[in-house]
PDB file of all heavy atoms in Angstrom:
ATOM      1  N   ASN A   1      -3.863 -32.493  10.959  1.00  0.00           N
ATOM      2  CA  ASN A   1      -3.431 -33.704  10.179  1.00  0.00           C
ATOM      3  C   ASN A   1      -3.513 -34.917  10.916  1.00  0.00           C
ATOM      4  O   ASN A   1      -2.754 -35.171  11.977  1.00  0.00           O
ATOM      5  CB  ASN A   1      -2.012 -33.428   9.653  1.00  0.00           C
ATOM      6  CG  ASN A   1      -1.598 -34.483   8.578  1.00  0.00           C
ATOM      7  OD1 ASN A   1      -1.345 -35.614   9.006  1.00  0.00           O
ATOM      8  ND2 ASN A   1      -1.627 -34.157   7.347  1.00  0.00           N
ATOM      9  N   ASP A   2      -4.373 -35.778  10.628  1.00  0.00           N
ATOM     10  CA  ASP A   2      -4.588 -37.071  11.339  1.00  0.00           C
ATOM     11  C   ASP A   2      -3.316 -37.864  11.415  1.00  0.00           C
ATOM     12  O   ASP A   2      -3.078 -38.593  12.431  1.00  0.00           O
ATOM     13  CB  ASP A   2      -5.730 -37.855  10.599  1.00  0.00           C
ATOM     14  CG  ASP A   2      -7.114 -37.463  11.112  1.00  0.00           C
ATOM     15  OD1 ASP A   2      -7.177 -36.660  12.126  1.00  0.00           O
ATOM     16  OD2 ASP A   2      -8.160 -37.959  10.526  1.00  0.00           O
ATOM     17  N   ILE A   3      -2.573 -38.066  10.301  1.00  0.00           N
ATOM     18  CA  ILE A   3      -1.477 -38.907  10.421  1.00  0.00           C
ATOM     19  C   ILE A   3      -0.404 -38.298  11.356  1.00  0.00           C
ATOM     20  O   ILE A   3       0.377 -39.125  12.062  1.00  0.00           O
ATOM     21  CB  ILE A   3      -0.858 -39.086   8.992  1.00  0.00           C
ATOM     22  CG1 ILE A   3       0.202 -40.198   8.983  1.00  0.00           C
ATOM     23  CG2 ILE A   3      -0.075 -37.818   8.412  1.00  0.00           C
ATOM     24  CD1 ILE A   3       0.648 -40.652   7.669  1.00  0.00           C
ATOM     25  N   VAL A   4      -0.235 -37.058  11.451  1.00  0.00           N
ATOM     26  CA  VAL A   4       0.689 -36.461  12.393  1.00  0.00           C
ATOM     27  C   VAL A   4       0.279 -36.767  13.809  1.00  0.00           C
ATOM     28  O   VAL A   4       1.014 -37.146  14.802  1.00  0.00           O
ATOM     29  CB  VAL A   4       0.921 -34.933  12.274  1.00  0.00           C
ATOM     30  CG1 VAL A   4       1.579 -34.276  13.423  1.00  0.00           C
ATOM     31  CG2 VAL A   4       1.625 -34.703  11.007  1.00  0.00           C
ATOM     32  N   LEU A   5      -1.080 -36.582  14.119  1.00  0.00           N
ATOM     33  CA  LEU A   5      -1.706 -36.856  15.466  1.00  0.00           C
ATOM     34  C   LEU A   5      -1.580 -38.240  15.803  1.00  0.00           C
ATOM     35  O   LEU A   5      -1.368 -38.688  16.941  1.00  0.00           O
ATOM     36  CB  LEU A   5      -3.003 -36.260  15.496  1.00  0.00           C
ATOM     37  CG  LEU A   5      -3.205 -34.722  15.213  1.00  0.00           C
ATOM     38  CD1 LEU A   5      -4.647 -34.351  15.430  1.00  0.00           C
ATOM     39  CD2 LEU A   5      -2.282 -34.028  16.033  1.00  0.00           C
ATOM     40  N   ALA A   6      -1.752 -39.133  14.740  1.00  0.00           N
ATOM     41  CA  ALA A   6      -1.819 -40.608  15.061  1.00  0.00           C
ATOM     42  C   ALA A   6      -0.265 -41.029  15.430  1.00  0.00           C
ATOM     43  O   ALA A   6      -0.109 -41.885  16.233  1.00  0.00           O
ATOM     44  CB  ALA A   6      -2.176 -41.313  13.728  1.00  0.00           C
ATOM     45  N   ALA A   7       0.600 -40.393  14.712  1.00  0.00           N
ATOM     46  CA  ALA A   7       2.149 -40.609  15.050  1.00  0.00           C
ATOM     47  C   ALA A   7       2.304 -40.232  16.575  1.00  0.00           C
ATOM     48  O   ALA A   7       3.109 -40.953  17.238  1.00  0.00           O
ATOM     49  CB  ALA A   7       3.079 -39.935  14.198  1.00  0.00           C
ATOM     50  N   ALA A   8       1.750 -39.174  17.009  1.00  0.00           N
ATOM     51  CA  ALA A   8       1.888 -38.827  18.438  1.00  0.00           C
ATOM     52  C   ALA A   8       1.289 -39.817  19.298  1.00  0.00           C
ATOM     53  O   ALA A   8       1.856 -40.138  20.387  1.00  0.00           O
ATOM     54  CB  ALA A   8       1.190 -37.413  18.655  1.00  0.00           C
ATOM     55  N   PHE A   9       0.166 -40.347  18.923  1.00  0.00           N
ATOM     56  CA  PHE A   9      -0.402 -41.460  19.739  1.00  0.00           C
ATOM     57  C   PHE A   9       0.458 -42.708  19.784  1.00  0.00           C
ATOM     58  O   PHE A   9       0.761 -43.250  20.820  1.00  0.00           O
ATOM     59  CB  PHE A   9      -1.755 -41.832  19.103  1.00  0.00           C
ATOM     60  CG  PHE A   9      -2.509 -42.935  19.751  1.00  0.00           C
ATOM     61  CD1 PHE A   9      -2.868 -42.993  20.999  1.00  0.00           C
ATOM     62  CD2 PHE A   9      -2.483 -44.227  19.023  1.00  0.00           C
ATOM     63  CE1 PHE A   9      -3.491 -44.121  21.616  1.00  0.00           C
ATOM     64  CE2 PHE A   9      -3.126 -45.360  19.652  1.00  0.00           C
ATOM     65  CZ  PHE A   9      -3.629 -45.251  20.860  1.00  0.00           C
ATOM     66  N   VAL A  10       0.971 -43.089  18.712  1.00  0.00           N
ATOM     67  CA  VAL A  10       1.863 -44.250  18.600  1.00  0.00           C
ATOM     68  C   VAL A  10       3.178 -44.028  19.408  1.00  0.00           C
ATOM     69  O   VAL A  10       3.588 -44.997  19.978  1.00  0.00           O
ATOM     70  CB  VAL A  10       2.107 -44.698  17.117  1.00  0.00           C
ATOM     71  CG1 VAL A  10       3.127 -45.725  17.032  1.00  0.00           C
ATOM     72  CG2 VAL A  10       0.844 -45.080  16.415  1.00  0.00           C
ATOM     73  N   ALA A  11       3.650 -42.891  19.297  1.00  0.00           N
ATOM     74  CA  ALA A  11       4.989 -42.602  20.007  1.00  0.00           C
ATOM     75  C   ALA A  11       4.900 -42.254  21.379  1.00  0.00           C
ATOM     76  O   ALA A  11       5.863 -41.902  22.083  1.00  0.00           O
ATOM     77  CB  ALA A  11       5.649 -41.487  19.238  1.00  0.00           C
ATOM     78  N   GLY A  12       3.656 -42.191  22.000  1.00  0.00           N
ATOM     79  CA  GLY A  12       3.432 -41.854  23.466  1.00  0.00           C
ATOM     80  C   GLY A  12       3.516 -40.545  23.887  1.00  0.00           C
ATOM     81  O   GLY A  12       4.005 -40.204  25.045  1.00  0.00           O
ATOM     82  N   VAL A  13       3.144 -39.495  23.022  1.00  0.00           N
ATOM     83  CA  VAL A  13       3.060 -38.204  23.388  1.00  0.00           C
ATOM     84  C   VAL A  13       2.045 -38.010  24.407  1.00  0.00           C
ATOM     85  O   VAL A  13       0.959 -38.532  24.321  1.00  0.00           O
ATOM     86  CB  VAL A  13       2.793 -37.364  22.125  1.00  0.00           C
ATOM     87  CG1 VAL A  13       2.446 -35.920  22.451  1.00  0.00           C
ATOM     88  CG2 VAL A  13       4.014 -37.281  21.166  1.00  0.00           C
ATOM     89  N   THR A  14       2.323 -37.104  25.375  1.00  0.00           N
ATOM     90  CA  THR A  14       1.395 -36.962  26.507  1.00  0.00           C
ATOM     91  C   THR A  14       0.286 -36.060  26.145  1.00  0.00           C
ATOM     92  O   THR A  14      -0.862 -36.293  26.489  1.00  0.00           O
ATOM     93  CB  THR A  14       2.118 -36.418  27.719  1.00  0.00           C
ATOM     94  OG1 THR A  14       3.341 -37.103  27.961  1.00  0.00           O
ATOM     95  CG2 THR A  14       1.208 -36.332  29.067  1.00  0.00           C
ATOM     96  N   LYS A  15       0.653 -34.880  25.594  1.00  0.00           N
ATOM     97  CA  LYS A  15      -0.341 -33.826  25.255  1.00  0.00           C
ATOM     98  C   LYS A  15       0.073 -33.052  24.054  1.00  0.00           C
ATOM     99  O   LYS A  15       1.242 -32.905  23.772  1.00  0.00           O
ATOM    100  CB  LYS A  15      -0.634 -32.937  26.348  1.00  0.00           C
ATOM    101  CG  LYS A  15      -1.677 -31.937  26.235  1.00  0.00           C
ATOM    102  CD  LYS A  15      -1.884 -31.016  27.513  1.00  0.00           C
ATOM    103  CE  LYS A  15      -2.599 -31.741  28.627  1.00  0.00           C
ATOM    104  NZ  LYS A  15      -2.944 -30.763  29.697  1.00  0.00           N
ATOM    105  N   VAL A  16      -0.894 -32.555  23.255  1.00  0.00           N
ATOM    106  CA  VAL A  16      -0.540 -31.778  22.134  1.00  0.00           C
ATOM    107  C   VAL A  16      -1.302 -30.382  22.089  1.00  0.00           C
ATOM    108  O   VAL A  16      -2.363 -30.336  22.398  1.00  0.00           O
ATOM    109  CB  VAL A  16      -1.015 -32.466  20.810  1.00  0.00           C
ATOM    110  CG1 VAL A  16      -0.813 -31.622  19.488  1.00  0.00           C
ATOM    111  CG2 VAL A  16      -0.267 -33.936  20.656  1.00  0.00           C
ATOM    112  N   PHE A  17      -0.460 -29.451  21.897  1.00  0.00           N
ATOM    113  CA  PHE A  17      -0.997 -28.060  21.657  1.00  0.00           C
ATOM    114  C   PHE A  17      -0.953 -27.675  20.134  1.00  0.00           C
ATOM    115  O   PHE A  17       0.235 -27.800  19.631  1.00  0.00           O
ATOM    116  CB  PHE A  17      -0.187 -27.159  22.555  1.00  0.00           C
ATOM    117  CG  PHE A  17      -0.391 -27.156  23.977  1.00  0.00           C
ATOM    118  CD1 PHE A  17       0.385 -28.138  24.744  1.00  0.00           C
ATOM    119  CD2 PHE A  17      -1.405 -26.402  24.692  1.00  0.00           C
ATOM    120  CE1 PHE A  17       0.187 -28.395  26.083  1.00  0.00           C
ATOM    121  CE2 PHE A  17      -1.544 -26.694  26.018  1.00  0.00           C
ATOM    122  CZ  PHE A  17      -0.788 -27.569  26.775  1.00  0.00           C
ATOM    123  N   THR A  18      -1.934 -27.208  19.544  1.00  0.00           N
ATOM    124  CA  THR A  18      -1.994 -26.900  18.178  1.00  0.00           C
ATOM    125  C   THR A  18      -1.516 -25.435  17.947  1.00  0.00           C
ATOM    126  O   THR A  18      -2.337 -24.600  17.480  1.00  0.00           O
ATOM    127  CB  THR A  18      -3.294 -27.074  17.576  1.00  0.00           C
ATOM    128  OG1 THR A  18      -4.228 -26.413  18.244  1.00  0.00           O
ATOM    129  CG2 THR A  18      -3.674 -28.640  17.595  1.00  0.00           C
ATOM    130  N   VAL A  19      -0.312 -25.222  18.381  1.00  0.00           N
ATOM    131  CA  VAL A  19       0.336 -23.894  18.201  1.00  0.00           C
ATOM    132  C   VAL A  19       1.753 -24.064  17.554  1.00  0.00           C
ATOM    133  O   VAL A  19       2.354 -25.223  17.612  1.00  0.00           O
ATOM    134  CB  VAL A  19       0.425 -23.164  19.480  1.00  0.00           C
ATOM    135  CG1 VAL A  19      -0.851 -22.931  20.103  1.00  0.00           C
ATOM    136  CG2 VAL A  19       1.378 -24.004  20.486  1.00  0.00           C
ATOM    137  N   GLY A  20       2.230 -23.208  16.998  1.00  0.00           N
ATOM    138  CA  GLY A  20       3.510 -23.253  16.297  1.00  0.00           C
ATOM    139  C   GLY A  20       4.300 -21.965  16.299  1.00  0.00           C
ATOM    140  O   GLY A  20       3.905 -20.980  17.012  1.00  0.00           O
ATOM    141  N   GLY A  21       5.398 -21.804  15.603  1.00  0.00           N
ATOM    142  CA  GLY A  21       6.142 -20.609  15.535  1.00  0.00           C
ATOM    143  C   GLY A  21       6.892 -20.287  16.783  1.00  0.00           C
ATOM    144  O   GLY A  21       6.939 -21.140  17.688  1.00  0.00           O
ATOM    145  N   ALA A  22       7.443 -19.169  16.839  1.00  0.00           N
ATOM    146  CA  ALA A  22       8.220 -18.667  17.984  1.00  0.00           C
ATOM    147  C   ALA A  22       7.311 -18.668  19.273  1.00  0.00           C
ATOM    148  O   ALA A  22       7.876 -18.932  20.367  1.00  0.00           O
ATOM    149  CB  ALA A  22       8.801 -17.217  17.811  1.00  0.00           C
ATOM    150  N   GLN A  23       6.109 -18.450  19.114  1.00  0.00           N
ATOM    151  CA  GLN A  23       5.169 -18.477  20.299  1.00  0.00           C
ATOM    152  C   GLN A  23       5.065 -19.755  20.982  1.00  0.00           C
ATOM    153  O   GLN A  23       4.933 -19.878  22.237  1.00  0.00           O
ATOM    154  CB  GLN A  23       3.736 -17.905  19.986  1.00  0.00           C
ATOM    155  CG  GLN A  23       3.024 -18.735  18.952  1.00  0.00           C
ATOM    156  CD  GLN A  23       3.315 -18.299  17.493  1.00  0.00           C
ATOM    157  OE1 GLN A  23       4.275 -17.682  17.166  1.00  0.00           O
ATOM    158  NE2 GLN A  23       2.323 -18.583  16.621  1.00  0.00           N
ATOM    159  N   ALA A  24       5.150 -20.877  20.174  1.00  0.00           N
ATOM    160  CA  ALA A  24       5.132 -22.224  20.702  1.00  0.00           C
ATOM    161  C   ALA A  24       6.406 -22.520  21.462  1.00  0.00           C
ATOM    162  O   ALA A  24       6.413 -23.134  22.554  1.00  0.00           O
ATOM    163  CB  ALA A  24       4.845 -23.168  19.624  1.00  0.00           C
ATOM    164  N   VAL A  25       7.519 -22.099  21.006  1.00  0.00           N
ATOM    165  CA  VAL A  25       8.856 -22.353  21.572  1.00  0.00           C
ATOM    166  C   VAL A  25       8.783 -21.565  22.834  1.00  0.00           C
ATOM    167  O   VAL A  25       9.333 -22.098  23.892  1.00  0.00           O
ATOM    168  CB  VAL A  25       9.949 -21.930  20.616  1.00  0.00           C
ATOM    169  CG1 VAL A  25      11.349 -22.002  21.355  1.00  0.00           C
ATOM    170  CG2 VAL A  25       9.845 -22.726  19.409  1.00  0.00           C
ATOM    171  N   ALA A  26       8.361 -20.304  22.949  1.00  0.00           N
ATOM    172  CA  ALA A  26       8.362 -19.479  24.102  1.00  0.00           C
ATOM    173  C   ALA A  26       7.553 -20.197  25.197  1.00  0.00           C
ATOM    174  O   ALA A  26       7.835 -20.184  26.308  1.00  0.00           O
ATOM    175  CB  ALA A  26       7.918 -18.184  23.755  1.00  0.00           C
ATOM    176  N   ALA A  27       6.315 -20.652  24.749  1.00  0.00           N
ATOM    177  CA  ALA A  27       5.441 -21.284  25.708  1.00  0.00           C
ATOM    178  C   ALA A  27       6.067 -22.472  26.325  1.00  0.00           C
ATOM    179  O   ALA A  27       5.975 -22.632  27.600  1.00  0.00           O
ATOM    180  CB  ALA A  27       4.143 -21.647  25.047  1.00  0.00           C
ATOM    181  N   LEU A  28       6.722 -23.362  25.528  1.00  0.00           N
ATOM    182  CA  LEU A  28       7.450 -24.413  26.191  1.00  0.00           C
ATOM    183  C   LEU A  28       8.573 -24.020  27.048  1.00  0.00           C
ATOM    184  O   LEU A  28       8.756 -24.628  28.134  1.00  0.00           O
ATOM    185  CB  LEU A  28       7.968 -25.307  24.977  1.00  0.00           C
ATOM    186  CG  LEU A  28       6.990 -26.010  24.146  1.00  0.00           C
ATOM    187  CD1 LEU A  28       7.602 -26.651  22.918  1.00  0.00           C
ATOM    188  CD2 LEU A  28       6.265 -27.215  24.930  1.00  0.00           C
ATOM    189  N   ALA A  29       9.256 -23.001  26.688  1.00  0.00           N
ATOM    190  CA  ALA A  29      10.489 -22.589  27.455  1.00  0.00           C
ATOM    191  C   ALA A  29      10.087 -22.005  28.726  1.00  0.00           C
ATOM    192  O   ALA A  29      10.740 -22.147  29.806  1.00  0.00           O
ATOM    193  CB  ALA A  29      11.286 -21.783  26.679  1.00  0.00           C
ATOM    194  N   TYR A  30       9.054 -21.100  28.671  1.00  0.00           N
ATOM    195  CA  TYR A  30       8.887 -20.293  29.977  1.00  0.00           C
ATOM    196  C   TYR A  30       7.572 -20.835  30.642  1.00  0.00           C
ATOM    197  O   TYR A  30       7.471 -20.508  31.854  1.00  0.00           O
ATOM    198  CB  TYR A  30       8.455 -18.851  29.645  1.00  0.00           C
ATOM    199  CG  TYR A  30       9.778 -18.167  28.946  1.00  0.00           C
ATOM    200  CD1 TYR A  30       9.554 -17.715  27.629  1.00  0.00           C
ATOM    201  CD2 TYR A  30      10.921 -18.130  29.515  1.00  0.00           C
ATOM    202  CE1 TYR A  30      10.599 -17.056  26.935  1.00  0.00           C
ATOM    203  CE2 TYR A  30      12.027 -17.492  28.848  1.00  0.00           C
ATOM    204  CZ  TYR A  30      11.881 -16.977  27.553  1.00  0.00           C
ATOM    205  OH  TYR A  30      12.876 -16.320  26.940  1.00  0.00           O
ATOM    206  N   GLY A  31       6.796 -21.580  29.950  1.00  0.00           N
ATOM    207  CA  GLY A  31       5.532 -22.136  30.640  1.00  0.00           C
ATOM    208  C   GLY A  31       4.414 -21.041  30.601  1.00  0.00           C
ATOM    209  O   GLY A  31       4.758 -19.807  30.646  1.00  0.00           O
ATOM    210  N   THR A  32       3.231 -21.408  30.442  1.00  0.00           N
ATOM    211  CA  THR A  32       2.040 -20.494  30.494  1.00  0.00           C
ATOM    212  C   THR A  32       1.118 -21.068  31.678  1.00  0.00           C
ATOM    213  O   THR A  32       1.302 -22.107  32.216  1.00  0.00           O
ATOM    214  CB  THR A  32       1.303 -20.405  29.261  1.00  0.00           C
ATOM    215  OG1 THR A  32       0.704 -21.595  28.982  1.00  0.00           O
ATOM    216  CG2 THR A  32       2.345 -20.066  28.081  1.00  0.00           C
ATOM    217  N   GLU A  33      -0.108 -20.483  31.708  1.00  0.00           N
ATOM    218  CA  GLU A  33      -1.146 -21.124  32.632  1.00  0.00           C
ATOM    219  C   GLU A  33      -1.468 -22.473  32.182  1.00  0.00           C
ATOM    220  O   GLU A  33      -1.791 -23.375  33.149  1.00  0.00           O
ATOM    221  CB  GLU A  33      -2.394 -20.271  32.695  1.00  0.00           C
ATOM    222  CG  GLU A  33      -2.111 -18.846  33.059  1.00  0.00           C
ATOM    223  CD  GLU A  33      -1.891 -17.899  31.942  1.00  0.00           C
ATOM    224  OE1 GLU A  33      -1.277 -18.252  30.855  1.00  0.00           O
ATOM    225  OE2 GLU A  33      -2.323 -16.717  32.037  1.00  0.00           O
ATOM    226  N   SER A  34      -1.268 -22.911  30.857  1.00  0.00           N
ATOM    227  CA  SER A  34      -1.798 -24.174  30.456  1.00  0.00           C
ATOM    228  C   SER A  34      -0.612 -25.055  29.906  1.00  0.00           C
ATOM    229  O   SER A  34      -0.763 -26.211  30.028  1.00  0.00           O
ATOM    230  CB  SER A  34      -2.874 -23.996  29.391  1.00  0.00           C
ATOM    231  OG  SER A  34      -3.985 -23.211  29.915  1.00  0.00           O
ATOM    232  N   VAL A  35       0.377 -24.335  29.330  1.00  0.00           N
ATOM    233  CA  VAL A  35       1.458 -25.144  28.813  1.00  0.00           C
ATOM    234  C   VAL A  35       2.454 -25.246  29.857  1.00  0.00           C
ATOM    235  O   VAL A  35       3.035 -24.316  30.312  1.00  0.00           O
ATOM    236  CB  VAL A  35       2.004 -24.325  27.541  1.00  0.00           C
ATOM    237  CG1 VAL A  35       3.215 -25.167  26.979  1.00  0.00           C
ATOM    238  CG2 VAL A  35       1.056 -24.082  26.528  1.00  0.00           C
ATOM    239  N   PRO A  36       2.930 -26.466  30.157  1.00  0.00           N
ATOM    240  CA  PRO A  36       3.874 -26.632  31.231  1.00  0.00           C
ATOM    241  C   PRO A  36       5.286 -26.353  30.736  1.00  0.00           C
ATOM    242  O   PRO A  36       5.507 -26.669  29.567  1.00  0.00           O
ATOM    243  CB  PRO A  36       3.686 -28.133  31.670  1.00  0.00           C
ATOM    244  CG  PRO A  36       3.160 -28.736  30.399  1.00  0.00           C
ATOM    245  CD  PRO A  36       2.284 -27.823  29.830  1.00  0.00           C
TER     246      PRO A  36
END
């Protein structure tokens, strides 16, 4: 969705991963090879 990504640009988001659900929360919490 362009408007969501544009909002991330305006709000100064550093990087976006197009993942969701419990797997996204786990990746953020524990970190992966690519997700800090």
